[in-house]
Amino acid sequence: MAAVDDTELYAIGDVARRTGLSVSAVRFYADADIIAPTCHSDSGYRLYDVHAIARLELVRTLRELDASLDDIRRLLAEETTLHELAATHLELVEGQLRRLHARRAVLRAVVRKQSPNGQVNLMHKLVSMSDDDRNRLVEEFWHEVTADVDGHSAAVRKLRERKPELPDEPTSEQLEAWIELADLLRSSDFRAEMRQILRNASAVTAQRQAVGPDWHQRADALTTLFQEAQEAQRTGMSVDSAQARNLAERFVAWGFDSAGEAGVSAHLRRAVAATDMPDPAARHEGQAGPGFRVGLLLGRYLSLVARVNGTTPSEQEHTRADSRAAWAWLAAAIEARTA
């Protein structure tokens, strides 16, 4: 607003120009007992001083923020404070934003999946779930898929640790991911396939444990070796250094315990491959083997959980890249020891 004289009075047209309101709006606020004119001219025209103009500017701003006339009256009458009014309206706006995010997520899902009419209500219910409802769906899923497998196995523990947790103020993208994940968790086909995956993993674990009582110790020893290899690769340790040679010898000794030199090479190949998630676009699902199908299912589940939790794909890729680099460094150290 341009500088004004404290003692000067302004006609309604000048007030409208200075406040950005229309003349009719200025009249309306006077007639509604919001901002009365300071006085009237001898001819009966409404006149406003700078204080009235400042209050009109405040009224305009508050109306743009969707404050009601009653709220504004209470504020101007000092029955409430600007802080209290702003806090109340901030809560309303945040509630509106949450509802808009939910609507946007549903509409995007409808457009993306070309969903039939009956699916719209379901998706709206999924996105409107309470925290308890979401947790209940996840727990029901895990209860069903682990009903006849070892629920305490390493495979189950690892997957259950990746629990979807929608934040209090999720983005539209997180809500979209939750709709897709919830739909997946409700799918009887997905539950059946996941149950079979966990059965297989549990059977493999049982076979390994049957080989000898020290299986867990061997698994822990491998974890320690890999962590050392990660640190060595990260710090730029030379693969032909004495420390690298020692680490390579320990890994070879670990492999010889179970399958000899061939077992060492095979384990390294599996370890490197395990850090790469299959790309669904890389090959036709119908032509993929069972191993690819398992990776695809788990990859889809873990990817959706990561999106719901706000873990970016780049972070997951970075972790896998670090693992690949560590295994590759260990393989090079093993080669260097025989050079």
C-alpha atoms as a PDB file:
ATOM      1  CA  MET A   1       0.000   0.000   0.000  1.00  0.00           C
ATOM      2  CA  ALA A   2       1.299   3.456  -0.880  1.00  0.00           C
ATOM      3  CA  ALA A   3       2.206   5.843   1.934  1.00  0.00           C
ATOM      4  CA  VAL A   4      -0.748   7.596   3.443  1.00  0.00           C
ATOM      5  CA  ASP A   5      -1.307  10.524   5.758  1.00  0.00           C
ATOM      6  CA  ASP A   6      -2.467   9.542   9.255  1.00  0.00           C
ATOM      7  CA  THR A   7      -4.919  12.407   9.326  1.00  0.00           C
ATOM      8  CA  GLU A   8      -6.226  12.160   5.806  1.00  0.00           C
ATOM      9  CA  LEU A   9      -9.577  10.626   4.961  1.00  0.00           C
ATOM     10  CA  TYR A  10     -10.122   8.676   1.762  1.00  0.00           C
ATOM     11  CA  ALA A  11     -13.182   8.205  -0.381  1.00  0.00           C
ATOM     12  CA  ILE A  12     -14.365   4.691  -1.060  1.00  0.00           C
ATOM     13  CA  GLY A  13     -12.872   4.624  -4.569  1.00  0.00           C
ATOM     14  CA  ASP A  14      -9.402   5.466  -3.201  1.00  0.00           C
ATOM     15  CA  VAL A  15      -9.840   2.848  -0.475  1.00  0.00           C
ATOM     16  CA  ALA A  16     -10.688   0.223  -3.083  1.00  0.00           C
ATOM     17  CA  ARG A  17      -7.559   1.050  -5.114  1.00  0.00           C
ATOM     18  CA  ARG A  18      -5.287   0.983  -2.046  1.00  0.00           C
ATOM     19  CA  THR A  19      -6.626  -2.281  -0.643  1.00  0.00           C
ATOM     20  CA  GLY A  20      -7.173  -4.188  -3.869  1.00  0.00           C
ATOM     21  CA  LEU A  21     -10.826  -4.667  -2.987  1.00  0.00           C
ATOM     22  CA  SER A  22     -13.729  -3.714  -5.176  1.00  0.00           C
ATOM     23  CA  VAL A  23     -15.931  -0.772  -4.176  1.00  0.00           C
ATOM     24  CA  SER A  24     -18.819  -3.171  -3.668  1.00  0.00           C
ATOM     25  CA  ALA A  25     -16.665  -5.315  -1.358  1.00  0.00           C
ATOM     26  CA  VAL A  26     -15.748  -2.280   0.767  1.00  0.00           C
ATOM     27  CA  ARG A  27     -19.446  -1.436   1.011  1.00  0.00           C
ATOM     28  CA  PHE A  28     -20.284  -5.042   1.860  1.00  0.00           C
ATOM     29  CA  TYR A  29     -17.836  -5.140   4.770  1.00  0.00           C
ATOM     30  CA  ALA A  30     -19.313  -1.910   6.096  1.00  0.00           C
ATOM     31  CA  ASP A  31     -22.886  -3.165   5.804  1.00  0.00           C
ATOM     32  CA  ALA A  32     -21.880  -6.490   7.432  1.00  0.00           C
ATOM     33  CA  ASP A  33     -20.435  -4.612  10.432  1.00  0.00           C
ATOM     34  CA  ILE A  34     -16.901  -5.796   9.684  1.00  0.00           C
ATOM     35  CA  ILE A  35     -15.161  -2.478   8.913  1.00  0.00           C
ATOM     36  CA  ALA A  36     -17.289   0.615   9.295  1.00  0.00           C
ATOM     37  CA  PRO A  37     -16.275   3.868   7.581  1.00  0.00           C
ATOM     38  CA  THR A  38     -14.440   6.301   9.829  1.00  0.00           C
ATOM     39  CA  CYS A  39     -17.026   8.974   9.100  1.00  0.00           C
ATOM     40  CA  HIS A  40     -19.257  10.361   6.352  1.00  0.00           C
ATOM     41  CA  SER A  41     -18.810  13.500   4.294  1.00  0.00           C
ATOM     42  CA  ASP A  42     -21.360  16.319   4.333  1.00  0.00           C
ATOM     43  CA  SER A  43     -22.766  14.772   1.188  1.00  0.00           C
ATOM     44  CA  GLY A  44     -23.127  11.378   2.918  1.00  0.00           C
ATOM     45  CA  TYR A  45     -20.147   9.653   1.222  1.00  0.00           C
ATOM     46  CA  ARG A  46     -18.223   7.111   3.257  1.00  0.00           C
ATOM     47  CA  LEU A  47     -14.706   8.125   4.296  1.00  0.00           C
ATOM     48  CA  TYR A  48     -11.930   5.923   5.707  1.00  0.00           C
ATOM     49  CA  ASP A  49      -8.738   6.768   7.570  1.00  0.00           C
ATOM     50  CA  VAL A  50      -5.462   4.795   7.325  1.00  0.00           C
ATOM     51  CA  HIS A  51      -6.382   2.555  10.272  1.00  0.00           C
ATOM     52  CA  ALA A  52      -9.607   1.460   8.611  1.00  0.00           C
ATOM     53  CA  ILE A  53      -7.712   0.856   5.367  1.00  0.00           C
ATOM     54  CA  ALA A  54      -5.169  -1.323   7.197  1.00  0.00           C
ATOM     55  CA  ARG A  55      -7.975  -3.360   8.757  1.00  0.00           C
ATOM     56  CA  LEU A  56      -9.597  -3.785   5.345  1.00  0.00           C
ATOM     57  CA  GLU A  57      -6.308  -5.137   3.983  1.00  0.00           C
ATOM     58  CA  LEU A  58      -6.213  -7.629   6.866  1.00  0.00           C
ATOM     59  CA  VAL A  59      -9.804  -8.645   6.127  1.00  0.00           C
ATOM     60  CA  ARG A  60      -8.970  -9.193   2.452  1.00  0.00           C
ATOM     61  CA  THR A  61      -5.986 -11.409   3.353  1.00  0.00           C
ATOM     62  CA  LEU A  62      -7.991 -13.440   5.859  1.00  0.00           C
ATOM     63  CA  ARG A  63     -10.825 -13.939   3.364  1.00  0.00           C
ATOM     64  CA  GLU A  64      -8.301 -15.175   0.789  1.00  0.00           C
ATOM     65  CA  LEU A  65      -7.255 -17.693   3.451  1.00  0.00           C
ATOM     66  CA  ASP A  66     -10.906 -18.768   3.764  1.00  0.00           C
ATOM     67  CA  ALA A  67     -11.520 -17.243   7.186  1.00  0.00           C
ATOM     68  CA  SER A  68     -15.235 -16.823   7.863  1.00  0.00           C
ATOM     69  CA  LEU A  69     -16.876 -13.471   8.538  1.00  0.00           C
ATOM     70  CA  ASP A  70     -17.681 -14.588  12.094  1.00  0.00           C
ATOM     71  CA  ASP A  71     -14.021 -15.453  12.706  1.00  0.00           C
ATOM     72  CA  ILE A  72     -12.974 -12.050  11.381  1.00  0.00           C
ATOM     73  CA  ARG A  73     -15.553 -10.278  13.549  1.00  0.00           C
ATOM     74  CA  ARG A  74     -14.222 -12.050  16.651  1.00  0.00           C
ATOM     75  CA  LEU A  75     -10.659 -11.128  15.733  1.00  0.00           C
ATOM     76  CA  LEU A  76     -11.458  -7.458  15.134  1.00  0.00           C
ATOM     77  CA  ALA A  77     -13.492  -7.374  18.346  1.00  0.00           C
ATOM     78  CA  GLU A  78     -10.445  -8.874  20.124  1.00  0.00           C
ATOM     79  CA  GLU A  79     -12.446 -11.917  21.197  1.00  0.00           C
ATOM     80  CA  THR A  80      -9.690 -14.071  19.650  1.00  0.00           C
ATOM     81  CA  THR A  81      -6.098 -13.521  18.563  1.00  0.00           C
ATOM     82  CA  LEU A  82      -4.549 -13.717  15.130  1.00  0.00           C
ATOM     83  CA  HIS A  83      -2.396 -16.625  16.367  1.00  0.00           C
ATOM     84  CA  GLU A  84      -5.441 -18.602  17.494  1.00  0.00           C
ATOM     85  CA  LEU A  85      -7.277 -17.874  14.255  1.00  0.00           C
ATOM     86  CA  ALA A  86      -4.251 -18.872  12.158  1.00  0.00           C
ATOM     87  CA  ALA A  87      -3.763 -22.086  14.162  1.00  0.00           C
ATOM     88  CA  THR A  88      -7.398 -23.074  13.670  1.00  0.00           C
ATOM     89  CA  HIS A  89      -7.289 -22.435   9.935  1.00  0.00           C
ATOM     90  CA  LEU A  90      -3.916 -24.131   9.551  1.00  0.00           C
ATOM     91  CA  GLU A  91      -5.448 -27.299  11.001  1.00  0.00           C
ATOM     92  CA  LEU A  92      -8.365 -27.025   8.564  1.00  0.00           C
ATOM     93  CA  VAL A  93      -6.069 -26.466   5.577  1.00  0.00           C
ATOM     94  CA  GLU A  94      -3.857 -29.418   6.532  1.00  0.00           C
ATOM     95  CA  GLY A  95      -6.948 -31.603   6.795  1.00  0.00           C
ATOM     96  CA  GLN A  96      -8.051 -30.448   3.348  1.00  0.00           C
ATOM     97  CA  LEU A  97      -4.591 -31.211   1.960  1.00  0.00           C
ATOM     98  CA  ARG A  98      -4.686 -34.746   3.355  1.00  0.00           C
ATOM     99  CA  ARG A  99      -8.064 -35.318   1.732  1.00  0.00           C
ATOM    100  CA  LEU A 100      -6.810 -33.865  -1.559  1.00  0.00           C
ATOM    101  CA  HIS A 101      -3.729 -36.111  -1.458  1.00  0.00           C
ATOM    102  CA  ALA A 102      -6.010 -39.107  -0.930  1.00  0.00           C
ATOM    103  CA  ARG A 103      -8.305 -38.121  -3.806  1.00  0.00           C
ATOM    104  CA  ARG A 104      -5.341 -37.501  -6.080  1.00  0.00           C
ATOM    105  CA  ALA A 105      -3.882 -40.924  -5.257  1.00  0.00           C
ATOM    106  CA  VAL A 106      -7.188 -42.669  -6.003  1.00  0.00           C
ATOM    107  CA  LEU A 107      -7.686 -40.789  -9.270  1.00  0.00           C
ATOM    108  CA  ARG A 108      -4.140 -41.523 -10.396  1.00  0.00           C
ATOM    109  CA  ALA A 109      -4.627 -45.201  -9.596  1.00  0.00           C
ATOM    110  CA  VAL A 110      -7.907 -45.243 -11.553  1.00  0.00           C
ATOM    111  CA  VAL A 111      -6.256 -43.592 -14.570  1.00  0.00           C
ATOM    112  CA  ARG A 112      -3.149 -45.785 -14.416  1.00  0.00           C
ATOM    113  CA  LYS A 113      -4.953 -49.112 -13.949  1.00  0.00           C
ATOM    114  CA  GLN A 114      -8.059 -48.213 -15.974  1.00  0.00           C
ATOM    115  CA  SER A 115      -9.993 -49.609 -13.026  1.00  0.00           C
ATOM    116  CA  PRO A 116     -13.593 -50.794 -13.361  1.00  0.00           C
ATOM    117  CA  ASN A 117     -16.325 -48.891 -11.525  1.00  0.00           C
ATOM    118  CA  GLY A 118     -16.421 -51.282  -8.588  1.00  0.00           C
ATOM    119  CA  GLN A 119     -12.732 -50.727  -7.837  1.00  0.00           C
ATOM    120  CA  VAL A 120     -13.052 -46.995  -7.179  1.00  0.00           C
ATOM    121  CA  ASN A 121     -14.868 -47.435  -3.851  1.00  0.00           C
ATOM    122  CA  LEU A 122     -12.388 -50.102  -2.781  1.00  0.00           C
ATOM    123  CA  MET A 123      -9.381 -47.909  -3.567  1.00  0.00           C
ATOM    124  CA  HIS A 124     -10.945 -45.011  -1.667  1.00  0.00           C
ATOM    125  CA  LYS A 125     -11.424 -47.304   1.351  1.00  0.00           C
ATOM    126  CA  LEU A 126      -7.817 -48.494   1.110  1.00  0.00           C
ATOM    127  CA  VAL A 127      -6.415 -44.986   1.020  1.00  0.00           C
ATOM    128  CA  SER A 128      -8.673 -43.894   3.889  1.00  0.00           C
ATOM    129  CA  MET A 129      -7.605 -46.710   6.229  1.00  0.00           C
ATOM    130  CA  SER A 130      -6.580 -45.838   9.764  1.00  0.00           C
ATOM    131  CA  ASP A 131      -3.159 -46.840  11.116  1.00  0.00           C
ATOM    132  CA  ASP A 132      -4.798 -49.735  12.972  1.00  0.00           C
ATOM    133  CA  ASP A 133      -6.575 -50.932   9.827  1.00  0.00           C
ATOM    134  CA  ARG A 134      -3.362 -50.828   7.802  1.00  0.00           C
ATOM    135  CA  ASN A 135      -1.429 -52.704  10.490  1.00  0.00           C
ATOM    136  CA  ARG A 136      -4.212 -55.270  10.723  1.00  0.00           C
ATOM    137  CA  LEU A 137      -4.086 -55.931   6.975  1.00  0.00           C
ATOM    138  CA  VAL A 138      -0.308 -56.382   7.061  1.00  0.00           C
ATOM    139  CA  GLU A 139      -0.468 -58.674  10.092  1.00  0.00           C
ATOM    140  CA  GLU A 140      -3.249 -60.764   8.537  1.00  0.00           C
ATOM    141  CA  PHE A 141      -1.133 -61.142   5.410  1.00  0.00           C
ATOM    142  CA  TRP A 142       1.923 -62.331   7.343  1.00  0.00           C
ATOM    143  CA  HIS A 143      -0.154 -64.611   9.566  1.00  0.00           C
ATOM    144  CA  GLU A 144      -1.557 -66.373   6.516  1.00  0.00           C
ATOM    145  CA  VAL A 145       1.647 -66.695   4.500  1.00  0.00           C
ATOM    146  CA  THR A 146       3.674 -67.973   7.483  1.00  0.00           C
ATOM    147  CA  ALA A 147       1.000 -70.275   8.959  1.00  0.00           C
ATOM    148  CA  ASP A 148       2.791 -73.458   7.942  1.00  0.00           C
ATOM    149  CA  VAL A 149       6.428 -72.308   7.810  1.00  0.00           C
ATOM    150  CA  ASP A 150       8.990 -71.382  10.428  1.00  0.00           C
ATOM    151  CA  GLY A 151       7.881 -67.851  11.296  1.00  0.00           C
ATOM    152  CA  HIS A 152      11.198 -67.216  13.008  1.00  0.00           C
ATOM    153  CA  SER A 153      13.345 -68.180  10.031  1.00  0.00           C
ATOM    154  CA  ALA A 154      15.871 -65.682   8.708  1.00  0.00           C
ATOM    155  CA  ALA A 155      13.905 -65.264   5.466  1.00  0.00           C
ATOM    156  CA  VAL A 156      10.693 -64.374   7.293  1.00  0.00           C
ATOM    157  CA  ARG A 157      12.435 -62.080   9.761  1.00  0.00           C
ATOM    158  CA  LYS A 158      14.165 -60.213   6.955  1.00  0.00           C
ATOM    159  CA  LEU A 159      10.935 -59.658   5.035  1.00  0.00           C
ATOM    160  CA  ARG A 160       8.873 -58.717   8.086  1.00  0.00           C
ATOM    161  CA  GLU A 161      11.463 -56.096   9.002  1.00  0.00           C
ATOM    162  CA  ARG A 162      10.476 -54.311   5.791  1.00  0.00           C
ATOM    163  CA  LYS A 163       7.131 -53.296   7.227  1.00  0.00           C
ATOM    164  CA  PRO A 164       5.131 -50.605   5.383  1.00  0.00           C
ATOM    165  CA  GLU A 165       4.634 -47.579   7.620  1.00  0.00           C
ATOM    166  CA  LEU A 166       2.691 -44.736   6.032  1.00  0.00           C
ATOM    167  CA  PRO A 167       3.738 -41.414   7.627  1.00  0.00           C
ATOM    168  CA  ASP A 168       1.245 -39.079   9.307  1.00  0.00           C
ATOM    169  CA  GLU A 169       1.358 -36.739   6.320  1.00  0.00           C
ATOM    170  CA  PRO A 170       1.980 -38.976   3.288  1.00  0.00           C
ATOM    171  CA  THR A 171       2.554 -37.614  -0.182  1.00  0.00           C
ATOM    172  CA  SER A 172       0.274 -38.531  -3.064  1.00  0.00           C
ATOM    173  CA  GLU A 173       3.002 -40.855  -4.342  1.00  0.00           C
ATOM    174  CA  GLN A 174       3.153 -42.686  -1.000  1.00  0.00           C
ATOM    175  CA  LEU A 175      -0.622 -43.070  -0.959  1.00  0.00           C
ATOM    176  CA  GLU A 176      -0.560 -44.440  -4.519  1.00  0.00           C
ATOM    177  CA  ALA A 177       2.080 -46.964  -3.456  1.00  0.00           C
ATOM    178  CA  TRP A 178      -0.045 -47.950  -0.447  1.00  0.00           C
ATOM    179  CA  ILE A 179      -3.115 -48.541  -2.663  1.00  0.00           C
ATOM    180  CA  GLU A 180      -1.054 -50.836  -4.896  1.00  0.00           C
ATOM    181  CA  LEU A 181       0.568 -52.592  -1.933  1.00  0.00           C
ATOM    182  CA  ALA A 182      -2.736 -53.063  -0.071  1.00  0.00           C
ATOM    183  CA  ASP A 183      -4.287 -54.486  -3.226  1.00  0.00           C
ATOM    184  CA  LEU A 184      -1.341 -56.870  -3.479  1.00  0.00           C
ATOM    185  CA  LEU A 185      -1.583 -57.929   0.179  1.00  0.00           C
ATOM    186  CA  ARG A 186      -5.285 -58.718  -0.296  1.00  0.00           C
ATOM    187  CA  SER A 187      -4.632 -60.844  -3.396  1.00  0.00           C
ATOM    188  CA  SER A 188      -5.138 -64.572  -2.758  1.00  0.00           C
ATOM    189  CA  ASP A 189      -2.790 -65.367  -5.671  1.00  0.00           C
ATOM    190  CA  PHE A 190       0.014 -63.258  -4.221  1.00  0.00           C
ATOM    191  CA  ARG A 191      -0.505 -64.753  -0.771  1.00  0.00           C
ATOM    192  CA  ALA A 192      -0.295 -68.269  -2.182  1.00  0.00           C
ATOM    193  CA  GLU A 193       2.901 -67.523  -4.107  1.00  0.00           C
ATOM    194  CA  MET A 194       4.512 -65.761  -1.144  1.00  0.00           C
ATOM    195  CA  ARG A 195       3.605 -68.693   1.123  1.00  0.00           C
ATOM    196  CA  GLN A 196       5.319 -71.064  -1.330  1.00  0.00           C
ATOM    197  CA  ILE A 197       8.410 -68.855  -1.445  1.00  0.00           C
ATOM    198  CA  LEU A 198       8.684 -68.910   2.340  1.00  0.00           C
ATOM    199  CA  ARG A 199       8.084 -72.667   2.465  1.00  0.00           C
ATOM    200  CA  ASN A 200      10.988 -73.175   0.074  1.00  0.00           C
ATOM    201  CA  ALA A 201      13.224 -70.843   2.065  1.00  0.00           C
ATOM    202  CA  SER A 202      12.305 -72.624   5.302  1.00  0.00           C
ATOM    203  CA  ALA A 203      13.069 -76.017   3.738  1.00  0.00           C
ATOM    204  CA  VAL A 204      16.500 -74.824   2.573  1.00  0.00           C
ATOM    205  CA  THR A 205      17.240 -73.528   6.063  1.00  0.00           C
ATOM    206  CA  ALA A 206      16.217 -76.863   7.589  1.00  0.00           C
ATOM    207  CA  GLN A 207      18.490 -78.734   5.164  1.00  0.00           C
ATOM    208  CA  ARG A 208      21.421 -76.505   6.025  1.00  0.00           C
ATOM    209  CA  GLN A 209      20.859 -76.910   9.738  1.00  0.00           C
ATOM    210  CA  ALA A 210      20.714 -80.681   9.295  1.00  0.00           C
ATOM    211  CA  VAL A 211      24.232 -80.642   7.837  1.00  0.00           C
ATOM    212  CA  GLY A 212      25.681 -79.768  11.221  1.00  0.00           C
ATOM    213  CA  PRO A 213      25.021 -77.834  14.416  1.00  0.00           C
ATOM    214  CA  ASP A 214      27.494 -75.119  13.470  1.00  0.00           C
ATOM    215  CA  TRP A 215      25.450 -73.777  10.529  1.00  0.00           C
ATOM    216  CA  HIS A 216      24.516 -70.555  12.350  1.00  0.00           C
ATOM    217  CA  GLN A 217      28.155 -70.009  13.306  1.00  0.00           C
ATOM    218  CA  ARG A 218      29.165 -70.425   9.676  1.00  0.00           C
ATOM    219  CA  ALA A 219      26.487 -67.938   8.582  1.00  0.00           C
ATOM    220  CA  ASP A 220      27.727 -65.425  11.167  1.00  0.00           C
ATOM    221  CA  ALA A 221      31.308 -65.967  10.015  1.00  0.00           C
ATOM    222  CA  LEU A 222      30.304 -65.208   6.420  1.00  0.00           C
ATOM    223  CA  THR A 223      28.544 -62.016   7.522  1.00  0.00           C
ATOM    224  CA  THR A 224      31.694 -60.882   9.313  1.00  0.00           C
ATOM    225  CA  LEU A 225      33.859 -61.633   6.275  1.00  0.00           C
ATOM    226  CA  PHE A 226      31.542 -59.693   3.988  1.00  0.00           C
ATOM    227  CA  GLN A 227      31.451 -56.687   6.314  1.00  0.00           C
ATOM    228  CA  GLU A 228      35.249 -56.637   6.344  1.00  0.00           C
ATOM    229  CA  ALA A 229      35.277 -56.839   2.541  1.00  0.00           C
ATOM    230  CA  GLN A 230      32.815 -53.918   2.356  1.00  0.00           C
ATOM    231  CA  GLU A 231      35.042 -51.779   4.560  1.00  0.00           C
ATOM    232  CA  ALA A 232      38.154 -52.753   2.605  1.00  0.00           C
ATOM    233  CA  GLN A 233      36.534 -51.893  -0.718  1.00  0.00           C
ATOM    234  CA  ARG A 234      35.098 -48.641   0.650  1.00  0.00           C
ATOM    235  CA  THR A 235      38.495 -47.465   1.952  1.00  0.00           C
ATOM    236  CA  GLY A 236      40.279 -48.367  -1.283  1.00  0.00           C
ATOM    237  CA  MET A 237      42.422 -51.197   0.093  1.00  0.00           C
ATOM    238  CA  SER A 238      44.574 -52.805  -2.616  1.00  0.00           C
ATOM    239  CA  VAL A 239      43.490 -56.351  -3.498  1.00  0.00           C
ATOM    240  CA  ASP A 240      47.122 -57.513  -3.428  1.00  0.00           C
ATOM    241  CA  SER A 241      47.896 -56.106   0.024  1.00  0.00           C
ATOM    242  CA  ALA A 242      48.707 -58.330   2.979  1.00  0.00           C
ATOM    243  CA  GLN A 243      45.375 -57.487   4.632  1.00  0.00           C
ATOM    244  CA  ALA A 244      43.464 -58.358   1.462  1.00  0.00           C
ATOM    245  CA  ARG A 245      45.381 -61.630   1.153  1.00  0.00           C
ATOM    246  CA  ASN A 246      44.453 -62.532   4.746  1.00  0.00           C
ATOM    247  CA  LEU A 247      40.778 -61.784   4.104  1.00  0.00           C
ATOM    248  CA  ALA A 248      40.826 -63.800   0.867  1.00  0.00           C
ATOM    249  CA  GLU A 249      42.448 -66.778   2.616  1.00  0.00           C
ATOM    250  CA  ARG A 250      39.805 -66.717   5.338  1.00  0.00           C
ATOM    251  CA  PHE A 251      36.997 -66.643   2.776  1.00  0.00           C
ATOM    252  CA  VAL A 252      38.545 -69.529   0.820  1.00  0.00           C
ATOM    253  CA  ALA A 253      38.882 -71.499   4.049  1.00  0.00           C
ATOM    254  CA  TRP A 254      35.242 -70.795   4.822  1.00  0.00           C
ATOM    255  CA  GLY A 255      34.215 -72.051   1.374  1.00  0.00           C
ATOM    256  CA  PHE A 256      36.435 -75.145   1.518  1.00  0.00           C
ATOM    257  CA  ASP A 257      34.634 -76.219   4.684  1.00  0.00           C
ATOM    258  CA  SER A 258      31.522 -76.932   2.628  1.00  0.00           C
ATOM    259  CA  ALA A 259      32.311 -77.323  -1.062  1.00  0.00           C
ATOM    260  CA  GLY A 260      35.987 -76.865  -1.883  1.00  0.00           C
ATOM    261  CA  GLU A 261      37.398 -74.371  -4.379  1.00  0.00           C
ATOM    262  CA  ALA A 262      34.398 -74.770  -6.688  1.00  0.00           C
ATOM    263  CA  GLY A 263      32.137 -73.907  -3.774  1.00  0.00           C
ATOM    264  CA  VAL A 264      34.038 -70.672  -3.216  1.00  0.00           C
ATOM    265  CA  SER A 265      33.602 -69.569  -6.828  1.00  0.00           C
ATOM    266  CA  ALA A 266      29.958 -70.636  -6.912  1.00  0.00           C
ATOM    267  CA  HIS A 267      29.195 -68.740  -3.714  1.00  0.00           C
ATOM    268  CA  LEU A 268      30.794 -65.587  -5.084  1.00  0.00           C
ATOM    269  CA  ARG A 269      28.744 -65.846  -8.283  1.00  0.00           C
ATOM    270  CA  ARG A 270      25.527 -66.305  -6.284  1.00  0.00           C
ATOM    271  CA  ALA A 271      26.390 -63.425  -3.975  1.00  0.00           C
ATOM    272  CA  VAL A 272      26.967 -61.008  -6.834  1.00  0.00           C
ATOM    273  CA  ALA A 273      23.785 -62.145  -8.587  1.00  0.00           C
ATOM    274  CA  ALA A 274      21.740 -61.827  -5.386  1.00  0.00           C
ATOM    275  CA  THR A 275      22.469 -58.107  -5.222  1.00  0.00           C
ATOM    276  CA  ASP A 276      20.711 -57.528  -8.552  1.00  0.00           C
ATOM    277  CA  MET A 277      16.916 -57.384  -8.587  1.00  0.00           C
ATOM    278  CA  PRO A 278      15.459 -58.788 -11.820  1.00  0.00           C
ATOM    279  CA  ASP A 279      14.190 -56.149 -14.211  1.00  0.00           C
ATOM    280  CA  PRO A 280      10.560 -56.946 -15.140  1.00  0.00           C
ATOM    281  CA  ALA A 281      11.133 -55.335 -18.530  1.00  0.00           C
ATOM    282  CA  ALA A 282      14.218 -57.421 -19.251  1.00  0.00           C
ATOM    283  CA  ARG A 283      12.367 -60.569 -20.217  1.00  0.00           C
ATOM    284  CA  HIS A 284       8.834 -61.871 -20.641  1.00  0.00           C
ATOM    285  CA  GLU A 285       7.430 -63.137 -17.359  1.00  0.00           C
ATOM    286  CA  GLY A 286       5.923 -66.198 -19.019  1.00  0.00           C
ATOM    287  CA  GLN A 287       9.369 -67.279 -20.234  1.00  0.00           C
ATOM    288  CA  ALA A 288      11.109 -66.670 -16.907  1.00  0.00           C
ATOM    289  CA  GLY A 289      12.263 -69.486 -14.687  1.00  0.00           C
ATOM    290  CA  PRO A 290      11.039 -69.979 -11.099  1.00  0.00           C
ATOM    291  CA  GLY A 291      14.049 -68.132  -9.675  1.00  0.00           C
ATOM    292  CA  PHE A 292      13.224 -65.079 -11.734  1.00  0.00           C
ATOM    293  CA  ARG A 293       9.563 -65.297 -10.742  1.00  0.00           C
ATOM    294  CA  VAL A 294      10.494 -65.358  -7.029  1.00  0.00           C
ATOM    295  CA  GLY A 295      12.797 -62.375  -7.456  1.00  0.00           C
ATOM    296  CA  LEU A 296      10.104 -60.500  -9.342  1.00  0.00           C
ATOM    297  CA  LEU A 297       7.482 -61.059  -6.629  1.00  0.00           C
ATOM    298  CA  LEU A 298       9.786 -60.137  -3.770  1.00  0.00           C
ATOM    299  CA  GLY A 299      11.150 -57.220  -5.735  1.00  0.00           C
ATOM    300  CA  ARG A 300       7.662 -55.848  -6.309  1.00  0.00           C
ATOM    301  CA  TYR A 301       6.716 -56.230  -2.650  1.00  0.00           C
ATOM    302  CA  LEU A 302       9.923 -54.632  -1.332  1.00  0.00           C
ATOM    303  CA  SER A 303       9.778 -51.837  -3.899  1.00  0.00           C
ATOM    304  CA  LEU A 304       6.234 -50.896  -2.858  1.00  0.00           C
ATOM    305  CA  VAL A 305       7.153 -51.017   0.842  1.00  0.00           C
ATOM    306  CA  ALA A 306      10.094 -48.724   0.137  1.00  0.00           C
ATOM    307  CA  ARG A 307       7.856 -46.250  -1.702  1.00  0.00           C
ATOM    308  CA  VAL A 308       5.295 -46.259   1.119  1.00  0.00           C
ATOM    309  CA  ASN A 309       8.047 -45.672   3.671  1.00  0.00           C
ATOM    310  CA  GLY A 310       9.628 -42.920   1.616  1.00  0.00           C
ATOM    311  CA  THR A 311      12.819 -44.870   0.839  1.00  0.00           C
ATOM    312  CA  THR A 312      13.868 -43.718  -2.605  1.00  0.00           C
ATOM    313  CA  PRO A 313      14.849 -46.200  -5.328  1.00  0.00           C
ATOM    314  CA  SER A 314      18.229 -44.470  -5.559  1.00  0.00           C
ATOM    315  CA  GLU A 315      18.959 -45.419  -1.930  1.00  0.00           C
ATOM    316  CA  GLN A 316      18.116 -49.055  -2.648  1.00  0.00           C
ATOM    317  CA  GLU A 317      20.225 -49.015  -5.805  1.00  0.00           C
ATOM    318  CA  HIS A 318      23.104 -47.469  -3.870  1.00  0.00           C
ATOM    319  CA  THR A 319      22.954 -50.300  -1.304  1.00  0.00           C
ATOM    320  CA  ARG A 320      22.934 -52.962  -4.016  1.00  0.00           C
ATOM    321  CA  ALA A 321      25.782 -51.236  -5.856  1.00  0.00           C
ATOM    322  CA  ASP A 322      27.844 -51.227  -2.640  1.00  0.00           C
ATOM    323  CA  SER A 323      27.203 -54.963  -2.195  1.00  0.00           C
ATOM    324  CA  ARG A 324      28.191 -55.730  -5.779  1.00  0.00           C
ATOM    325  CA  ALA A 325      31.383 -53.710  -5.396  1.00  0.00           C
ATOM    326  CA  ALA A 326      32.304 -55.493  -2.151  1.00  0.00           C
ATOM    327  CA  TRP A 327      31.795 -58.975  -3.629  1.00  0.00           C
ATOM    328  CA  ALA A 328      33.731 -57.990  -6.763  1.00  0.00           C
ATOM    329  CA  TRP A 329      36.605 -56.697  -4.591  1.00  0.00           C
ATOM    330  CA  LEU A 330      36.670 -59.984  -2.650  1.00  0.00           C
ATOM    331  CA  ALA A 331      36.731 -61.982  -5.904  1.00  0.00           C
ATOM    332  CA  ALA A 332      39.658 -59.870  -7.134  1.00  0.00           C
ATOM    333  CA  ALA A 333      41.505 -60.382  -3.845  1.00  0.00           C
ATOM    334  CA  ILE A 334      41.091 -64.147  -4.182  1.00  0.00           C
ATOM    335  CA  GLU A 335      42.477 -64.037  -7.732  1.00  0.00           C
ATOM    336  CA  ALA A 336      45.385 -61.822  -6.617  1.00  0.00           C
ATOM    337  CA  ARG A 337      46.422 -64.299  -3.920  1.00  0.00           C
ATOM    338  CA  THR A 338      47.200 -66.947  -6.574  1.00  0.00           C
ATOM    339  CA  ALA A 339      48.891 -64.569  -9.046  1.00  0.00           C
END
